[in-house]
Amino acid sequence: MKLPIVCPSCENILKVSQMKCSYCDTSISGSFDLPVLLRLTQEEQEFILNFFLSSGSIKEMARQADISYPTMRNKMDDLIEKVKTLQTV
């Protein structure tokens, strides 16, 4: 099951309010922000994972996706800007 990150009612980013250990049943409650990478869409998370798995080579990612390097570079730049914005929120 995919972790929900957006409220289905108002579309704002959700916060974590409770975590529970399945081994000892300890619960921790509060209001915690999701990490930046979890606030990205599934597609954006996969893009970052592919970047990591291609040893940080945008050229290799472009080759695998059969798109031009400039197109892949633009996708990367857009994602970088989004991550920067999410870090300041």
N, C-alpha and C. Protein backbone atom coordinates (compact mmCIF):
# COMPACT_ATOMS: atom_id res chain seq x y z
N MET A 1 0.84 -1.18 0.00
CA MET A 1 0.00 0.00 0.00
C MET A 1 0.88 1.24 0.00
N LYS A 2 0.56 2.20 -0.85
CA LYS A 2 1.32 3.43 -0.96
C LYS A 2 0.99 4.36 0.20
N LEU A 3 2.02 4.97 0.76
CA LEU A 3 1.85 5.92 1.85
C LEU A 3 1.15 7.17 1.34
N PRO A 4 -0.01 7.53 1.91
CA PRO A 4 -0.67 8.76 1.46
C PRO A 4 0.13 9.98 1.94
N ILE A 5 0.27 10.96 1.06
CA ILE A 5 1.01 12.17 1.43
C ILE A 5 0.16 13.43 1.29
N VAL A 6 -1.00 13.30 0.63
CA VAL A 6 -1.88 14.44 0.39
C VAL A 6 -3.26 14.14 0.96
N CYS A 7 -3.85 15.14 1.62
CA CYS A 7 -5.19 14.99 2.18
C CYS A 7 -6.20 14.79 1.04
N PRO A 8 -7.03 13.76 1.10
CA PRO A 8 -8.01 13.54 0.04
C PRO A 8 -9.13 14.58 0.04
N SER A 9 -9.27 15.31 1.13
CA SER A 9 -10.32 16.31 1.23
C SER A 9 -9.88 17.68 0.72
N CYS A 10 -8.74 18.18 1.25
CA CYS A 10 -8.33 19.55 0.90
C CYS A 10 -7.03 19.61 0.10
N GLU A 11 -6.37 18.46 -0.12
CA GLU A 11 -5.16 18.33 -0.92
C GLU A 11 -3.92 18.98 -0.31
N ASN A 12 -3.94 19.26 0.99
CA ASN A 12 -2.73 19.74 1.67
C ASN A 12 -1.86 18.55 2.04
N ILE A 13 -0.57 18.82 2.28
CA ILE A 13 0.37 17.77 2.67
C ILE A 13 0.01 17.25 4.05
N LEU A 14 -0.03 15.93 4.19
CA LEU A 14 -0.32 15.31 5.47
C LEU A 14 0.90 15.31 6.37
N LYS A 15 0.69 15.20 7.68
CA LYS A 15 1.74 15.05 8.66
C LYS A 15 1.58 13.69 9.31
N VAL A 16 2.67 13.16 9.80
CA VAL A 16 2.63 11.90 10.53
C VAL A 16 2.20 12.22 11.96
N SER A 17 1.22 11.49 12.48
CA SER A 17 0.76 11.77 13.85
C SER A 17 1.04 10.62 14.81
N GLN A 18 1.31 9.42 14.28
CA GLN A 18 1.60 8.31 15.17
C GLN A 18 2.43 7.26 14.43
N MET A 19 3.36 6.68 15.17
CA MET A 19 4.14 5.54 14.67
C MET A 19 4.09 4.47 15.74
N LYS A 20 4.09 3.22 15.30
CA LYS A 20 3.92 2.12 16.25
C LYS A 20 4.88 0.99 15.90
N CYS A 21 5.51 0.43 16.91
CA CYS A 21 6.40 -0.71 16.75
C CYS A 21 5.54 -1.98 16.70
N SER A 22 5.68 -2.74 15.63
CA SER A 22 4.89 -3.96 15.51
C SER A 22 5.45 -5.08 16.38
N TYR A 23 6.66 -4.90 16.90
CA TYR A 23 7.26 -5.94 17.75
C TYR A 23 6.83 -5.80 19.21
N CYS A 24 7.01 -4.59 19.79
CA CYS A 24 6.73 -4.43 21.23
C CYS A 24 5.48 -3.60 21.50
N ASP A 25 4.83 -3.10 20.45
CA ASP A 25 3.59 -2.35 20.57
C ASP A 25 3.77 -0.94 21.14
N THR A 26 5.02 -0.43 21.19
CA THR A 26 5.25 0.94 21.63
C THR A 26 4.70 1.89 20.57
N SER A 27 4.02 2.96 21.01
CA SER A 27 3.48 3.97 20.11
C SER A 27 4.11 5.32 20.43
N ILE A 28 4.37 6.10 19.40
CA ILE A 28 4.86 7.46 19.55
C ILE A 28 3.87 8.36 18.83
N SER A 29 3.35 9.35 19.55
CA SER A 29 2.37 10.27 18.96
C SER A 29 2.93 11.68 18.96
N GLY A 30 2.51 12.46 17.99
CA GLY A 30 2.93 13.85 17.87
C GLY A 30 2.51 14.37 16.52
N SER A 31 3.16 15.42 16.08
CA SER A 31 2.90 15.98 14.75
C SER A 31 4.24 16.16 14.06
N PHE A 32 4.53 15.25 13.13
CA PHE A 32 5.83 15.22 12.48
C PHE A 32 5.66 15.45 10.98
N ASP A 33 6.54 16.29 10.42
CA ASP A 33 6.55 16.50 8.97
C ASP A 33 7.10 15.27 8.27
N LEU A 34 6.57 14.99 7.09
CA LEU A 34 7.14 13.94 6.26
C LEU A 34 8.48 14.43 5.73
N PRO A 35 9.46 13.54 5.56
CA PRO A 35 10.72 13.95 4.94
C PRO A 35 10.47 14.46 3.53
N VAL A 36 11.34 15.33 3.06
CA VAL A 36 11.17 15.96 1.75
C VAL A 36 10.95 14.92 0.65
N LEU A 37 11.75 13.87 0.62
CA LEU A 37 11.63 12.89 -0.47
C LEU A 37 10.29 12.17 -0.46
N LEU A 38 9.68 12.02 0.71
CA LEU A 38 8.36 11.37 0.77
C LEU A 38 7.24 12.31 0.34
N ARG A 39 7.53 13.60 0.26
CA ARG A 39 6.52 14.56 -0.21
C ARG A 39 6.49 14.67 -1.72
N LEU A 40 7.39 13.96 -2.39
CA LEU A 40 7.40 13.95 -3.85
C LEU A 40 6.43 12.90 -4.35
N THR A 41 6.02 13.04 -5.59
CA THR A 41 5.13 12.04 -6.20
C THR A 41 5.90 10.73 -6.38
N GLN A 42 5.18 9.65 -6.58
CA GLN A 42 5.80 8.36 -6.83
C GLN A 42 6.74 8.44 -8.03
N GLU A 43 6.30 9.11 -9.07
CA GLU A 43 7.11 9.25 -10.29
C GLU A 43 8.41 10.01 -9.99
N GLU A 44 8.33 11.06 -9.19
CA GLU A 44 9.52 11.84 -8.85
C GLU A 44 10.48 11.02 -7.98
N GLN A 45 9.92 10.22 -7.06
CA GLN A 45 10.76 9.36 -6.24
C GLN A 45 11.47 8.32 -7.11
N GLU A 46 10.78 7.76 -8.08
CA GLU A 46 11.38 6.79 -8.99
C GLU A 46 12.48 7.44 -9.83
N PHE A 47 12.27 8.68 -10.23
CA PHE A 47 13.28 9.42 -11.00
C PHE A 47 14.57 9.54 -10.18
N ILE A 48 14.42 9.91 -8.91
CA ILE A 48 15.59 10.04 -8.04
C ILE A 48 16.26 8.69 -7.83
N LEU A 49 15.48 7.64 -7.65
CA LEU A 49 16.05 6.30 -7.49
C LEU A 49 16.81 5.88 -8.75
N ASN A 50 16.23 6.14 -9.91
CA ASN A 50 16.91 5.83 -11.17
C ASN A 50 18.20 6.62 -11.33
N PHE A 51 18.20 7.86 -10.90
CA PHE A 51 19.41 8.69 -10.93
C PHE A 51 20.50 8.04 -10.07
N PHE A 52 20.12 7.62 -8.88
CA PHE A 52 21.05 6.95 -7.97
C PHE A 52 21.56 5.65 -8.59
N LEU A 53 20.66 4.84 -9.14
CA LEU A 53 21.05 3.54 -9.70
C LEU A 53 21.88 3.68 -10.98
N SER A 54 21.80 4.82 -11.64
CA SER A 54 22.63 5.05 -12.83
C SER A 54 23.91 5.80 -12.44
N SER A 55 24.27 5.71 -11.17
CA SER A 55 25.50 6.32 -10.63
C SER A 55 25.55 7.83 -10.85
N GLY A 56 24.38 8.45 -10.83
CA GLY A 56 24.31 9.90 -10.96
C GLY A 56 24.56 10.40 -12.36
N SER A 57 24.36 9.55 -13.35
CA SER A 57 24.60 9.93 -14.74
C SER A 57 23.30 10.29 -15.44
N ILE A 58 23.13 11.57 -15.69
CA ILE A 58 21.95 12.02 -16.43
C ILE A 58 22.01 11.50 -17.86
N LYS A 59 23.21 11.42 -18.40
CA LYS A 59 23.40 10.89 -19.75
C LYS A 59 22.90 9.45 -19.84
N GLU A 60 23.22 8.64 -18.84
CA GLU A 60 22.77 7.24 -18.82
C GLU A 60 21.25 7.17 -18.65
N MET A 61 20.69 8.02 -17.80
CA MET A 61 19.24 8.03 -17.62
C MET A 61 18.54 8.38 -18.93
N ALA A 62 19.07 9.37 -19.65
CA ALA A 62 18.50 9.77 -20.93
C ALA A 62 18.56 8.62 -21.93
N ARG A 63 19.69 7.91 -21.95
CA ARG A 63 19.84 6.77 -22.86
C ARG A 63 18.81 5.68 -22.53
N GLN A 64 18.65 5.36 -21.25
CA GLN A 64 17.71 4.33 -20.83
C GLN A 64 16.27 4.72 -21.14
N ALA A 65 15.94 6.00 -21.00
CA ALA A 65 14.58 6.47 -21.25
C ALA A 65 14.34 6.79 -22.73
N ASP A 66 15.41 6.70 -23.53
CA ASP A 66 15.34 7.00 -24.96
C ASP A 66 14.83 8.42 -25.22
N ILE A 67 15.39 9.37 -24.45
CA ILE A 67 15.10 10.79 -24.67
C ILE A 67 16.43 11.53 -24.73
N SER A 68 16.38 12.77 -25.18
CA SER A 68 17.63 13.53 -25.32
C SER A 68 18.18 13.96 -23.96
N TYR A 69 19.47 14.18 -23.93
CA TYR A 69 20.12 14.64 -22.70
C TYR A 69 19.50 15.96 -22.21
N PRO A 70 19.30 16.97 -23.11
CA PRO A 70 18.70 18.24 -22.64
C PRO A 70 17.31 18.05 -22.02
N THR A 71 16.52 17.14 -22.57
CA THR A 71 15.20 16.88 -21.99
C THR A 71 15.33 16.29 -20.60
N MET A 72 16.24 15.32 -20.44
CA MET A 72 16.46 14.72 -19.12
C MET A 72 17.03 15.76 -18.15
N ARG A 73 17.92 16.61 -18.65
CA ARG A 73 18.50 17.65 -17.79
C ARG A 73 17.41 18.61 -17.31
N ASN A 74 16.47 18.95 -18.19
CA ASN A 74 15.36 19.82 -17.80
C ASN A 74 14.49 19.17 -16.73
N LYS A 75 14.24 17.86 -16.87
CA LYS A 75 13.46 17.14 -15.86
C LYS A 75 14.18 17.20 -14.51
N MET A 76 15.50 17.00 -14.56
CA MET A 76 16.30 17.04 -13.34
C MET A 76 16.24 18.44 -12.71
N ASP A 77 16.41 19.47 -13.53
CA ASP A 77 16.38 20.85 -13.03
C ASP A 77 15.03 21.18 -12.40
N ASP A 78 13.95 20.73 -13.02
CA ASP A 78 12.61 20.97 -12.47
C ASP A 78 12.45 20.29 -11.10
N LEU A 79 12.96 19.08 -11.00
CA LEU A 79 12.86 18.34 -9.74
C LEU A 79 13.73 18.99 -8.66
N ILE A 80 14.90 19.46 -9.04
CA ILE A 80 15.77 20.16 -8.09
C ILE A 80 15.05 21.39 -7.53
N GLU A 81 14.41 22.15 -8.38
CA GLU A 81 13.67 23.34 -7.93
C GLU A 81 12.53 22.97 -7.00
N LYS A 82 11.82 21.88 -7.30
CA LYS A 82 10.73 21.45 -6.45
C LYS A 82 11.26 21.06 -5.06
N VAL A 83 12.37 20.31 -5.01
CA VAL A 83 12.95 19.89 -3.75
C VAL A 83 13.40 21.11 -2.94
N LYS A 84 14.00 22.08 -3.61
CA LYS A 84 14.41 23.31 -2.91
C LYS A 84 13.21 24.01 -2.30
N THR A 85 12.11 24.06 -3.04
CA THR A 85 10.88 24.69 -2.53
C THR A 85 10.33 23.94 -1.34
N LEU A 86 10.32 22.61 -1.42
CA LEU A 86 9.79 21.80 -0.32
C LEU A 86 10.64 21.92 0.93
N GLN A 87 11.94 22.14 0.77
CA GLN A 87 12.81 22.28 1.94
C GLN A 87 12.53 23.55 2.71
N THR A 88 12.02 24.56 2.05
CA THR A 88 11.76 25.84 2.72
C THR A 88 10.37 25.90 3.34
N VAL A 89 9.52 24.92 3.02
CA VAL A 89 8.15 24.91 3.54
C VAL A 89 8.10 24.30 4.90
